Amino acid sequence: MASGIASQVKEHMEVLGSEGGHVGIVDAVEGDRIRLTRNDPDAEGKHHYLPLDIIKRVEGNTVRLTCTVDQAHDRWSEEAGPDGKAGAAPRGTEPGSSRAGP
């Protein structure tokens, strides 16, 4: 289903959480994820990426997610860091956070 959804997602679509809150604006689809624009107020000047598998539906100019805004923010990953490695860890999983693994 992800590939069918991916073809429906277009640049500048608004991404909304399941409760209707604003998550971001689509910049592009890259593989199995959406890249959100970095100039959105919640983006803090960075591109963020969300997996296509959390899209519930695309309707009009809106992408609706299966999760809330807060859950989407917990799942998104950031653009490549200074070391050139693609995608930083999702927020809250970095070393020292309560959700980080051993």
PDB file of N, CA and C in Angstrom:
ATOM      1  N   MET A   1       0.815  -1.191   0.000  1.00  0.00           N
ATOM      2  CA  MET A   1       0.000   0.000   0.000  1.00  0.00           C
ATOM      3  C   MET A   1       0.864   1.262   0.000  1.00  0.00           C
ATOM      4  N   ALA A   2       2.055   1.188   0.573  1.00  0.00           N
ATOM      5  CA  ALA A   2       2.913   2.367   0.677  1.00  0.00           C
ATOM      6  C   ALA A   2       3.221   2.962  -0.687  1.00  0.00           C
ATOM      7  N   SER A   3       3.458   2.130  -1.714  1.00  0.00           N
ATOM      8  CA  SER A   3       3.785   2.678  -3.024  1.00  0.00           C
ATOM      9  C   SER A   3       2.589   3.392  -3.636  1.00  0.00           C
ATOM     10  N   GLY A   4       1.377   2.896  -3.402  1.00  0.00           N
ATOM     11  CA  GLY A   4       0.172   3.563  -3.881  1.00  0.00           C
ATOM     12  C   GLY A   4      -0.021   4.906  -3.204  1.00  0.00           C
ATOM     13  N   ILE A   5       0.215   4.934  -1.912  1.00  0.00           N
ATOM     14  CA  ILE A   5       0.127   6.181  -1.142  1.00  0.00           C
ATOM     15  C   ILE A   5       1.205   7.151  -1.628  1.00  0.00           C
ATOM     16  N   ALA A   6       2.418   6.657  -1.819  1.00  0.00           N
ATOM     17  CA  ALA A   6       3.536   7.519  -2.215  1.00  0.00           C
ATOM     18  C   ALA A   6       3.217   8.282  -3.489  1.00  0.00           C
ATOM     19  N   SER A   7       2.543   7.658  -4.424  1.00  0.00           N
ATOM     20  CA  SER A   7       2.224   8.330  -5.679  1.00  0.00           C
ATOM     21  C   SER A   7       1.172   9.426  -5.508  1.00  0.00           C
ATOM     22  N   GLN A   8       0.432   9.386  -4.408  1.00  0.00           N
ATOM     23  CA  GLN A   8      -0.598  10.394  -4.143  1.00  0.00           C
ATOM     24  C   GLN A   8      -0.065  11.602  -3.380  1.00  0.00           C
ATOM     25  N   VAL A   9       1.072  11.426  -2.697  1.00  0.00           N
ATOM     26  CA  VAL A   9       1.646  12.497  -1.876  1.00  0.00           C
ATOM     27  C   VAL A   9       2.427  13.455  -2.778  1.00  0.00           C
ATOM     28  N   LYS A  10       2.107  14.729  -2.684  1.00  0.00           N
ATOM     29  CA  LYS A  10       2.721  15.740  -3.545  1.00  0.00           C
ATOM     30  C   LYS A  10       3.346  16.856  -2.708  1.00  0.00           C
ATOM     31  N   GLU A  11       4.307  17.533  -3.315  1.00  0.00           N
ATOM     32  CA  GLU A  11       4.972  18.666  -2.687  1.00  0.00           C
ATOM     33  C   GLU A  11       3.945  19.711  -2.231  1.00  0.00           C
ATOM     34  N   HIS A  12       4.179  20.285  -1.074  1.00  0.00           N
ATOM     35  CA  HIS A  12       3.381  21.355  -0.471  1.00  0.00           C
ATOM     36  C   HIS A  12       2.074  20.892   0.160  1.00  0.00           C
ATOM     37  N   MET A  13       1.814  19.573   0.209  1.00  0.00           N
ATOM     38  CA  MET A  13       0.629  19.097   0.917  1.00  0.00           C
ATOM     39  C   MET A  13       0.837  19.276   2.417  1.00  0.00           C
ATOM     40  N   GLU A  14      -0.243  19.593   3.130  1.00  0.00           N
ATOM     41  CA  GLU A  14      -0.167  19.695   4.584  1.00  0.00           C
ATOM     42  C   GLU A  14      -0.277  18.301   5.185  1.00  0.00           C
ATOM     43  N   VAL A  15       0.534  18.020   6.196  1.00  0.00           N
ATOM     44  CA  VAL A  15       0.502  16.740   6.907  1.00  0.00           C
ATOM     45  C   VAL A  15      -0.158  16.993   8.259  1.00  0.00           C
ATOM     46  N   LEU A  16      -1.232  16.227   8.536  1.00  0.00           N
ATOM     47  CA  LEU A  16      -1.980  16.380   9.776  1.00  0.00           C
ATOM     48  C   LEU A  16      -1.950  15.090  10.584  1.00  0.00           C
ATOM     49  N   GLY A  17      -1.899  15.238  11.901  1.00  0.00           N
ATOM     50  CA  GLY A  17      -2.004  14.097  12.791  1.00  0.00           C
ATOM     51  C   GLY A  17      -3.436  13.576  12.815  1.00  0.00           C
ATOM     52  N   SER A  18      -3.629  12.431  13.480  1.00  0.00           N
ATOM     53  CA  SER A  18      -4.954  11.814  13.519  1.00  0.00           C
ATOM     54  C   SER A  18      -5.988  12.690  14.212  1.00  0.00           C
ATOM     55  N   GLU A  19      -5.527  13.594  15.090  1.00  0.00           N
ATOM     56  CA  GLU A  19      -6.452  14.499  15.781  1.00  0.00           C
ATOM     57  C   GLU A  19      -6.668  15.790  14.999  1.00  0.00           C
ATOM     58  N   GLY A  20      -6.038  15.913  13.831  1.00  0.00           N
ATOM     59  CA  GLY A  20      -6.217  17.079  12.974  1.00  0.00           C
ATOM     60  C   GLY A  20      -5.189  18.173  13.164  1.00  0.00           C
ATOM     61  N   GLY A  21      -4.218  17.970  14.054  1.00  0.00           N
ATOM     62  CA  GLY A  21      -3.185  18.969  14.290  1.00  0.00           C
ATOM     63  C   GLY A  21      -2.123  18.976  13.200  1.00  0.00           C
ATOM     64  N   HIS A  22      -1.507  20.134  13.009  1.00  0.00           N
ATOM     65  CA  HIS A  22      -0.481  20.321  11.979  1.00  0.00           C
ATOM     66  C   HIS A  22       0.830  19.636  12.367  1.00  0.00           C
ATOM     67  N   VAL A  23       1.336  18.780  11.464  1.00  0.00           N
ATOM     68  CA  VAL A  23       2.629  18.116  11.652  1.00  0.00           C
ATOM     69  C   VAL A  23       3.694  18.801  10.808  1.00  0.00           C
ATOM     70  N   GLY A  24       3.365  19.150   9.570  1.00  0.00           N
ATOM     71  CA  GLY A  24       4.330  19.776   8.687  1.00  0.00           C
ATOM     72  C   GLY A  24       3.790  19.904   7.275  1.00  0.00           C
ATOM     73  N   ILE A  25       4.692  20.260   6.362  1.00  0.00           N
ATOM     74  CA  ILE A  25       4.374  20.421   4.939  1.00  0.00           C
ATOM     75  C   ILE A  25       5.325  19.513   4.151  1.00  0.00           C
ATOM     76  N   VAL A  26       4.768  18.777   3.197  1.00  0.00           N
ATOM     77  CA  VAL A  26       5.568  17.865   2.379  1.00  0.00           C
ATOM     78  C   VAL A  26       6.532  18.653   1.504  1.00  0.00           C
ATOM     79  N   ASP A  27       7.787  18.249   1.555  1.00  0.00           N
ATOM     80  CA  ASP A  27       8.806  18.776   0.648  1.00  0.00           C
ATOM     81  C   ASP A  27       8.987  17.794  -0.508  1.00  0.00           C
ATOM     82  N   ALA A  28       9.047  16.496  -0.189  1.00  0.00           N
ATOM     83  CA  ALA A  28       9.239  15.466  -1.216  1.00  0.00           C
ATOM     84  C   ALA A  28       8.991  14.087  -0.615  1.00  0.00           C
ATOM     85  N   VAL A  29       8.806  13.102  -1.499  1.00  0.00           N
ATOM     86  CA  VAL A  29       8.792  11.697  -1.100  1.00  0.00           C
ATOM     87  C   VAL A  29      10.138  11.128  -1.494  1.00  0.00           C
ATOM     88  N   GLU A  30      10.810  10.505  -0.542  1.00  0.00           N
ATOM     89  CA  GLU A  30      12.119   9.892  -0.791  1.00  0.00           C
ATOM     90  C   GLU A  30      12.063   8.436  -0.354  1.00  0.00           C
ATOM     91  N   GLY A  31      11.978   7.550  -1.327  1.00  0.00           N
ATOM     92  CA  GLY A  31      11.911   6.126  -1.014  1.00  0.00           C
ATOM     93  C   GLY A  31      10.655   5.800  -0.232  1.00  0.00           C
ATOM     94  N   ASP A  32      10.832   5.286   0.986  1.00  0.00           N
ATOM     95  CA  ASP A  32       9.699   4.881   1.809  1.00  0.00           C
ATOM     96  C   ASP A  32       9.372   5.892   2.900  1.00  0.00           C
ATOM     97  N   ARG A  33       9.716   7.168   2.648  1.00  0.00           N
ATOM     98  CA  ARG A  33       9.433   8.194   3.654  1.00  0.00           C
ATOM     99  C   ARG A  33       9.119   9.540   3.000  1.00  0.00           C
ATOM    100  N   ILE A  34       8.488  10.404   3.793  1.00  0.00           N
ATOM    101  CA  ILE A  34       8.168  11.765   3.378  1.00  0.00           C
ATOM    102  C   ILE A  34       9.206  12.691   3.994  1.00  0.00           C
ATOM    103  N   ARG A  35       9.736  13.613   3.204  1.00  0.00           N
ATOM    104  CA  ARG A  35      10.596  14.663   3.744  1.00  0.00           C
ATOM    105  C   ARG A  35       9.728  15.904   3.925  1.00  0.00           C
ATOM    106  N   LEU A  36       9.732  16.446   5.135  1.00  0.00           N
ATOM    107  CA  LEU A  36       8.976  17.656   5.435  1.00  0.00           C
ATOM    108  C   LEU A  36       9.862  18.881   5.237  1.00  0.00           C
ATOM    109  N   THR A  37       9.239  20.005   4.902  1.00  0.00           N
ATOM    110  CA  THR A  37      10.003  21.236   4.695  1.00  0.00           C
ATOM    111  C   THR A  37      10.670  21.673   5.986  1.00  0.00           C
ATOM    112  N   ARG A  38      11.805  22.302   5.863  1.00  0.00           N
ATOM    113  CA  ARG A  38      12.542  22.755   7.034  1.00  0.00           C
ATOM    114  C   ARG A  38      12.152  24.162   7.462  1.00  0.00           C
ATOM    115  N   ASN A  39      11.364  24.878   6.645  1.00  0.00           N
ATOM    116  CA  ASN A  39      10.976  26.235   7.016  1.00  0.00           C
ATOM    117  C   ASN A  39       9.657  26.287   7.782  1.00  0.00           C
ATOM    118  N   ASP A  40       9.100  25.138   8.134  1.00  0.00           N
ATOM    119  CA  ASP A  40       7.904  25.070   8.956  1.00  0.00           C
ATOM    120  C   ASP A  40       8.282  25.427  10.399  1.00  0.00           C
ATOM    121  N   PRO A  41       7.453  26.154  11.138  1.00  0.00           N
ATOM    122  CA  PRO A  41       7.815  26.543  12.500  1.00  0.00           C
ATOM    123  C   PRO A  41       8.227  25.376  13.413  1.00  0.00           C
ATOM    124  N   ASP A  42       7.581  24.224  13.300  1.00  0.00           N
ATOM    125  CA  ASP A  42       7.923  23.068  14.144  1.00  0.00           C
ATOM    126  C   ASP A  42       9.216  22.385  13.720  1.00  0.00           C
ATOM    127  N   ALA A  43       9.716  22.685  12.527  1.00  0.00           N
ATOM    128  CA  ALA A  43      10.883  21.981  11.989  1.00  0.00           C
ATOM    129  C   ALA A  43      12.216  22.473  12.541  1.00  0.00           C
ATOM    130  N   GLU A  44      12.219  23.630  13.164  1.00  0.00           N
ATOM    131  CA  GLU A  44      13.442  24.190  13.737  1.00  0.00           C
ATOM    132  C   GLU A  44      14.579  24.280  12.724  1.00  0.00           C
ATOM    133  N   GLY A  45      14.233  24.595  11.478  1.00  0.00           N
ATOM    134  CA  GLY A  45      15.231  24.782  10.433  1.00  0.00           C
ATOM    135  C   GLY A  45      15.823  23.501   9.865  1.00  0.00           C
ATOM    136  N   LYS A  46      15.231  22.339  10.166  1.00  0.00           N
ATOM    137  CA  LYS A  46      15.764  21.053   9.692  1.00  0.00           C
ATOM    138  C   LYS A  46      14.688  20.291   8.925  1.00  0.00           C
ATOM    139  N   HIS A  47      15.124  19.529   7.920  1.00  0.00           N
ATOM    140  CA  HIS A  47      14.206  18.598   7.286  1.00  0.00           C
ATOM    141  C   HIS A  47      13.934  17.465   8.274  1.00  0.00           C
ATOM    142  N   HIS A  48      12.700  17.019   8.308  1.00  0.00           N
ATOM    143  CA  HIS A  48      12.339  15.850   9.103  1.00  0.00           C
ATOM    144  C   HIS A  48      11.687  14.843   8.174  1.00  0.00           C
ATOM    145  N   TYR A  49      11.814  13.577   8.515  1.00  0.00           N
ATOM    146  CA  TYR A  49      11.332  12.485   7.681  1.00  0.00           C
ATOM    147  C   TYR A  49      10.358  11.627   8.461  1.00  0.00           C
ATOM    148  N   LEU A  50       9.272  11.229   7.789  1.00  0.00           N
ATOM    149  CA  LEU A  50       8.282  10.329   8.370  1.00  0.00           C
ATOM    150  C   LEU A  50       8.097   9.133   7.448  1.00  0.00           C
ATOM    151  N   PRO A  51       7.925   7.940   8.021  1.00  0.00           N
ATOM    152  CA  PRO A  51       7.710   6.761   7.178  1.00  0.00           C
ATOM    153  C   PRO A  51       6.340   6.793   6.506  1.00  0.00           C
ATOM    154  N   LEU A  52       6.280   6.298   5.290  1.00  0.00           N
ATOM    155  CA  LEU A  52       5.017   6.260   4.559  1.00  0.00           C
ATOM    156  C   LEU A  52       3.982   5.379   5.245  1.00  0.00           C
ATOM    157  N   ASP A  53       4.429   4.405   6.028  1.00  0.00           N
ATOM    158  CA  ASP A  53       3.473   3.466   6.621  1.00  0.00           C
ATOM    159  C   ASP A  53       2.616   4.069   7.734  1.00  0.00           C
ATOM    160  N   ILE A  54       2.853   5.326   8.102  1.00  0.00           N
ATOM    161  CA  ILE A  54       1.973   5.962   9.090  1.00  0.00           C
ATOM    162  C   ILE A  54       0.938   6.886   8.423  1.00  0.00           C
ATOM    163  N   ILE A  55       0.858   6.837   7.103  1.00  0.00           N
ATOM    164  CA  ILE A  55      -0.167   7.613   6.394  1.00  0.00           C
ATOM    165  C   ILE A  55      -1.466   6.807   6.397  1.00  0.00           C
ATOM    166  N   LYS A  56      -2.516   7.436   6.873  1.00  0.00           N
ATOM    167  CA  LYS A  56      -3.834   6.803   6.854  1.00  0.00           C
ATOM    168  C   LYS A  56      -4.498   6.989   5.495  1.00  0.00           C
ATOM    169  N   ARG A  57      -4.466   8.249   5.007  1.00  0.00           N
ATOM    170  CA  ARG A  57      -5.071   8.541   3.705  1.00  0.00           C
ATOM    171  C   ARG A  57      -4.575   9.890   3.194  1.00  0.00           C
ATOM    172  N   VAL A  58      -4.769  10.090   1.898  1.00  0.00           N
ATOM    173  CA  VAL A  58      -4.490  11.372   1.259  1.00  0.00           C
ATOM    174  C   VAL A  58      -5.823  11.858   0.723  1.00  0.00           C
ATOM    175  N   GLU A  59      -6.191  13.082   1.126  1.00  0.00           N
ATOM    176  CA  GLU A  59      -7.466  13.640   0.666  1.00  0.00           C
ATOM    177  C   GLU A  59      -7.259  15.097   0.285  1.00  0.00           C
ATOM    178  N   GLY A  60      -7.569  15.409  -0.952  1.00  0.00           N
ATOM    179  CA  GLY A  60      -7.356  16.773  -1.424  1.00  0.00           C
ATOM    180  C   GLY A  60      -5.884  17.142  -1.342  1.00  0.00           C
ATOM    181  N   ASN A  61      -5.580  18.213  -0.616  1.00  0.00           N
ATOM    182  CA  ASN A  61      -4.200  18.671  -0.457  1.00  0.00           C
ATOM    183  C   ASN A  61      -3.677  18.358   0.947  1.00  0.00           C
ATOM    184  N   THR A  62      -4.198  17.262   1.529  1.00  0.00           N
ATOM    185  CA  THR A  62      -3.873  16.922   2.911  1.00  0.00           C
ATOM    186  C   THR A  62      -3.467  15.459   3.031  1.00  0.00           C
ATOM    187  N   VAL A  63      -2.399  15.243   3.813  1.00  0.00           N
ATOM    188  CA  VAL A  63      -1.961  13.896   4.172  1.00  0.00           C
ATOM    189  C   VAL A  63      -2.382  13.674   5.622  1.00  0.00           C
ATOM    190  N   ARG A  64      -3.198  12.667   5.868  1.00  0.00           N
ATOM    191  CA  ARG A  64      -3.660  12.348   7.228  1.00  0.00           C
ATOM    192  C   ARG A  64      -2.881  11.145   7.747  1.00  0.00           C
ATOM    193  N   LEU A  65      -2.368  11.275   8.966  1.00  0.00           N
ATOM    194  CA  LEU A  65      -1.575  10.208   9.570  1.00  0.00           C
ATOM    195  C   LEU A  65      -2.422   9.330  10.486  1.00  0.00           C
ATOM    196  N   THR A  66      -1.890   8.160  10.812  1.00  0.00           N
ATOM    197  CA  THR A  66      -2.551   7.242  11.737  1.00  0.00           C
ATOM    198  C   THR A  66      -2.215   7.575  13.185  1.00  0.00           C
ATOM    199  N   CYS A  67      -1.332   8.542  13.394  1.00  0.00           N
ATOM    200  CA  CYS A  67      -0.878   8.893  14.743  1.00  0.00           C
ATOM    201  C   CYS A  67      -1.086  10.383  14.998  1.00  0.00           C
ATOM    202  N   THR A  68      -1.010  10.761  16.260  1.00  0.00           N
ATOM    203  CA  THR A  68      -1.175  12.161  16.641  1.00  0.00           C
ATOM    204  C   THR A  68       0.066  12.970  16.266  1.00  0.00           C
ATOM    205  N   VAL A  69      -0.035  14.279  16.400  1.00  0.00           N
ATOM    206  CA  VAL A  69       1.103  15.159  16.144  1.00  0.00           C
ATOM    207  C   VAL A  69       2.277  14.776  17.045  1.00  0.00           C
ATOM    208  N   ASP A  70       2.026  14.607  18.343  1.00  0.00           N
ATOM    209  CA  ASP A  70       3.105  14.257  19.271  1.00  0.00           C
ATOM    210  C   ASP A  70       3.757  12.926  18.906  1.00  0.00           C
ATOM    211  N   GLN A  71       2.948  11.943  18.514  1.00  0.00           N
ATOM    212  CA  GLN A  71       3.498  10.653  18.111  1.00  0.00           C
ATOM    213  C   GLN A  71       4.316  10.795  16.830  1.00  0.00           C
ATOM    214  N   ALA A  72       3.849  11.625  15.898  1.00  0.00           N
ATOM    215  CA  ALA A  72       4.598  11.855  14.657  1.00  0.00           C
ATOM    216  C   ALA A  72       5.934  12.510  14.968  1.00  0.00           C
ATOM    217  N   HIS A  73       5.939  13.496  15.858  1.00  0.00           N
ATOM    218  CA  HIS A  73       7.191  14.149  16.248  1.00  0.00           C
ATOM    219  C   HIS A  73       8.142  13.153  16.910  1.00  0.00           C
ATOM    220  N   ASP A  74       7.611  12.216  17.666  1.00  0.00           N
ATOM    221  CA  ASP A  74       8.451  11.181  18.274  1.00  0.00           C
ATOM    222  C   ASP A  74       9.038  10.233  17.229  1.00  0.00           C
ATOM    223  N   ARG A  75       8.317  10.035  16.118  1.00  0.00           N
ATOM    224  CA  ARG A  75       8.758   9.089  15.085  1.00  0.00           C
ATOM    225  C   ARG A  75       9.624   9.716  14.009  1.00  0.00           C
ATOM    226  N   TRP A  76       9.591  11.042  13.855  1.00  0.00           N
ATOM    227  CA  TRP A  76      10.337  11.613  12.741  1.00  0.00           C
ATOM    228  C   TRP A  76      11.829  11.573  12.994  1.00  0.00           C
ATOM    229  N   SER A  77      12.571  11.518  11.907  1.00  0.00           N
ATOM    230  CA  SER A  77      14.024  11.562  11.987  1.00  0.00           C
ATOM    231  C   SER A  77      14.476  12.817  11.248  1.00  0.00           C
ATOM    232  N   GLU A  78      15.681  13.263  11.564  1.00  0.00           N
ATOM    233  CA  GLU A  78      16.199  14.501  10.989  1.00  0.00           C
ATOM    234  C   GLU A  78      17.093  14.238   9.795  1.00  0.00           C
ATOM    235  N   GLU A  79      17.416  15.328   9.100  1.00  0.00           N
ATOM    236  CA  GLU A  79      18.292  15.245   7.937  1.00  0.00           C
ATOM    237  C   GLU A  79      19.687  14.774   8.342  1.00  0.00           C
ATOM    238  N   ALA A  80      20.513  14.499   7.351  1.00  0.00           N
ATOM    239  CA  ALA A  80      21.878  14.030   7.591  1.00  0.00           C
ATOM    240  C   ALA A  80      22.628  15.001   8.487  1.00  0.00           C
ATOM    241  N   GLY A  81      23.397  14.457   9.397  1.00  0.00           N
ATOM    242  CA  GLY A  81      24.181  15.264  10.318  1.00  0.00           C
ATOM    243  C   GLY A  81      25.510  15.656   9.707  1.00  0.00           C
ATOM    244  N   PRO A  82      26.371  16.322  10.479  1.00  0.00           N
ATOM    245  CA  PRO A  82      27.657  16.799   9.968  1.00  0.00           C
ATOM    246  C   PRO A  82      28.589  15.671   9.527  1.00  0.00           C
ATOM    247  N   ASP A  83      28.357  14.448  10.040  1.00  0.00           N
ATOM    248  CA  ASP A  83      29.200  13.328   9.635  1.00  0.00           C
ATOM    249  C   ASP A  83      28.763  12.730   8.301  1.00  0.00           C
ATOM    250  N   GLY A  84      27.651  13.258   7.735  1.00  0.00           N
ATOM    251  CA  GLY A  84      27.177  12.795   6.437  1.00  0.00           C
ATOM    252  C   GLY A  84      26.281  11.579   6.496  1.00  0.00           C
ATOM    253  N   LYS A  85      26.069  11.011   7.675  1.00  0.00           N
ATOM    254  CA  LYS A  85      25.187   9.854   7.802  1.00  0.00           C
ATOM    255  C   LYS A  85      23.747  10.311   7.690  1.00  0.00           C
ATOM    256  N   ALA A  86      22.982   9.594   6.895  1.00  0.00           N
ATOM    257  CA  ALA A  86      21.599   9.996   6.649  1.00  0.00           C
ATOM    258  C   ALA A  86      20.717   9.696   7.837  1.00  0.00           C
ATOM    259  N   GLY A  87      19.882  10.673   8.188  1.00  0.00           N
ATOM    260  CA  GLY A  87      18.845  10.478   9.187  1.00  0.00           C
ATOM    261  C   GLY A  87      19.335  10.239  10.591  1.00  0.00           C
ATOM    262  N   ALA A  88      19.182  11.213  11.440  1.00  0.00           N
ATOM    263  CA  ALA A  88      19.503  11.053  12.854  1.00  0.00           C
ATOM    264  C   ALA A  88      18.439  10.181  13.507  1.00  0.00           C
ATOM    265  N   ALA A  89      18.695   9.716  14.706  1.00  0.00           N
ATOM    266  CA  ALA A  89      17.754   8.886  15.439  1.00  0.00           C
ATOM    267  C   ALA A  89      16.472   9.658  15.699  1.00  0.00           C
ATOM    268  N   PRO A  90      15.325   8.952  15.723  1.00  0.00           N
ATOM    269  CA  PRO A  90      14.091   9.639  16.073  1.00  0.00           C
ATOM    270  C   PRO A  90      14.229  10.329  17.422  1.00  0.00           C
ATOM    271  N   ARG A  91      13.549  11.465  17.571  1.00  0.00           N
ATOM    272  CA  ARG A  91      13.632  12.245  18.797  1.00  0.00           C
ATOM    273  C   ARG A  91      13.241  11.383  19.992  1.00  0.00           C
ATOM    274  N   GLY A  92      14.030  11.492  21.071  1.00  0.00           N
ATOM    275  CA  GLY A  92      13.747  10.734  22.279  1.00  0.00           C
ATOM    276  C   GLY A  92      14.479   9.414  22.356  1.00  0.00           C
ATOM    277  N   THR A  93      15.203   9.020  21.293  1.00  0.00           N
ATOM    278  CA  THR A  93      15.923   7.748  21.320  1.00  0.00           C
ATOM    279  C   THR A  93      17.426   7.947  21.392  1.00  0.00           C
ATOM    280  N   GLU A  94      17.850   9.209  21.503  1.00  0.00           N
ATOM    281  CA  GLU A  94      19.283   9.463  21.587  1.00  0.00           C
ATOM    282  C   GLU A  94      19.818   8.977  22.931  1.00  0.00           C
ATOM    283  N   PRO A  95      21.126   8.690  23.018  1.00  0.00           N
ATOM    284  CA  PRO A  95      21.700   8.203  24.271  1.00  0.00           C
ATOM    285  C   PRO A  95      21.353   9.127  25.430  1.00  0.00           C
ATOM    286  N   GLY A  96      20.972   8.526  26.555  1.00  0.00           N
ATOM    287  CA  GLY A  96      20.636   9.288  27.746  1.00  0.00           C
ATOM    288  C   GLY A  96      19.154   9.597  27.867  1.00  0.00           C
ATOM    289  N   SER A  97      18.376   9.390  26.791  1.00  0.00           N
ATOM    290  CA  SER A  97      16.936   9.648  26.909  1.00  0.00           C
ATOM    291  C   SER A  97      16.266   8.434  27.536  1.00  0.00           C
ATOM    292  N   SER A  98      15.084   8.623  28.055  1.00  0.00           N
ATOM    293  CA  SER A  98      14.381   7.537  28.734  1.00  0.00           C
ATOM    294  C   SER A  98      13.948   6.436  27.776  1.00  0.00           C
ATOM    295  N   ARG A  99      13.902   6.732  26.467  1.00  0.00           N
ATOM    296  CA  ARG A  99      13.488   5.733  25.485  1.00  0.00           C
ATOM    297  C   ARG A  99      14.669   5.076  24.794  1.00  0.00           C
ATOM    298  N   ALA A 100      15.880   5.487  25.083  1.00  0.00           N
ATOM    299  CA  ALA A 100      17.064   4.925  24.433  1.00  0.00           C
ATOM    300  C   ALA A 100      17.258   3.479  24.873  1.00  0.00           C
ATOM    301  N   GLY A 101      17.777   2.675  23.990  1.00  0.00           N
ATOM    302  CA  GLY A 101      18.043   1.271  24.293  1.00  0.00           C
ATOM    303  C   GLY A 101      19.297   1.154  25.136  1.00  0.00           C
ATOM    304  N   PRO A 102      19.664  -0.089  25.514  1.00  0.00           N
ATOM    305  CA  PRO A 102      20.852  -0.304  26.356  1.00  0.00           C
ATOM    306  C   PRO A 102      22.140   0.126  25.688  1.00  0.00           C
TER     307      PRO A 102
END
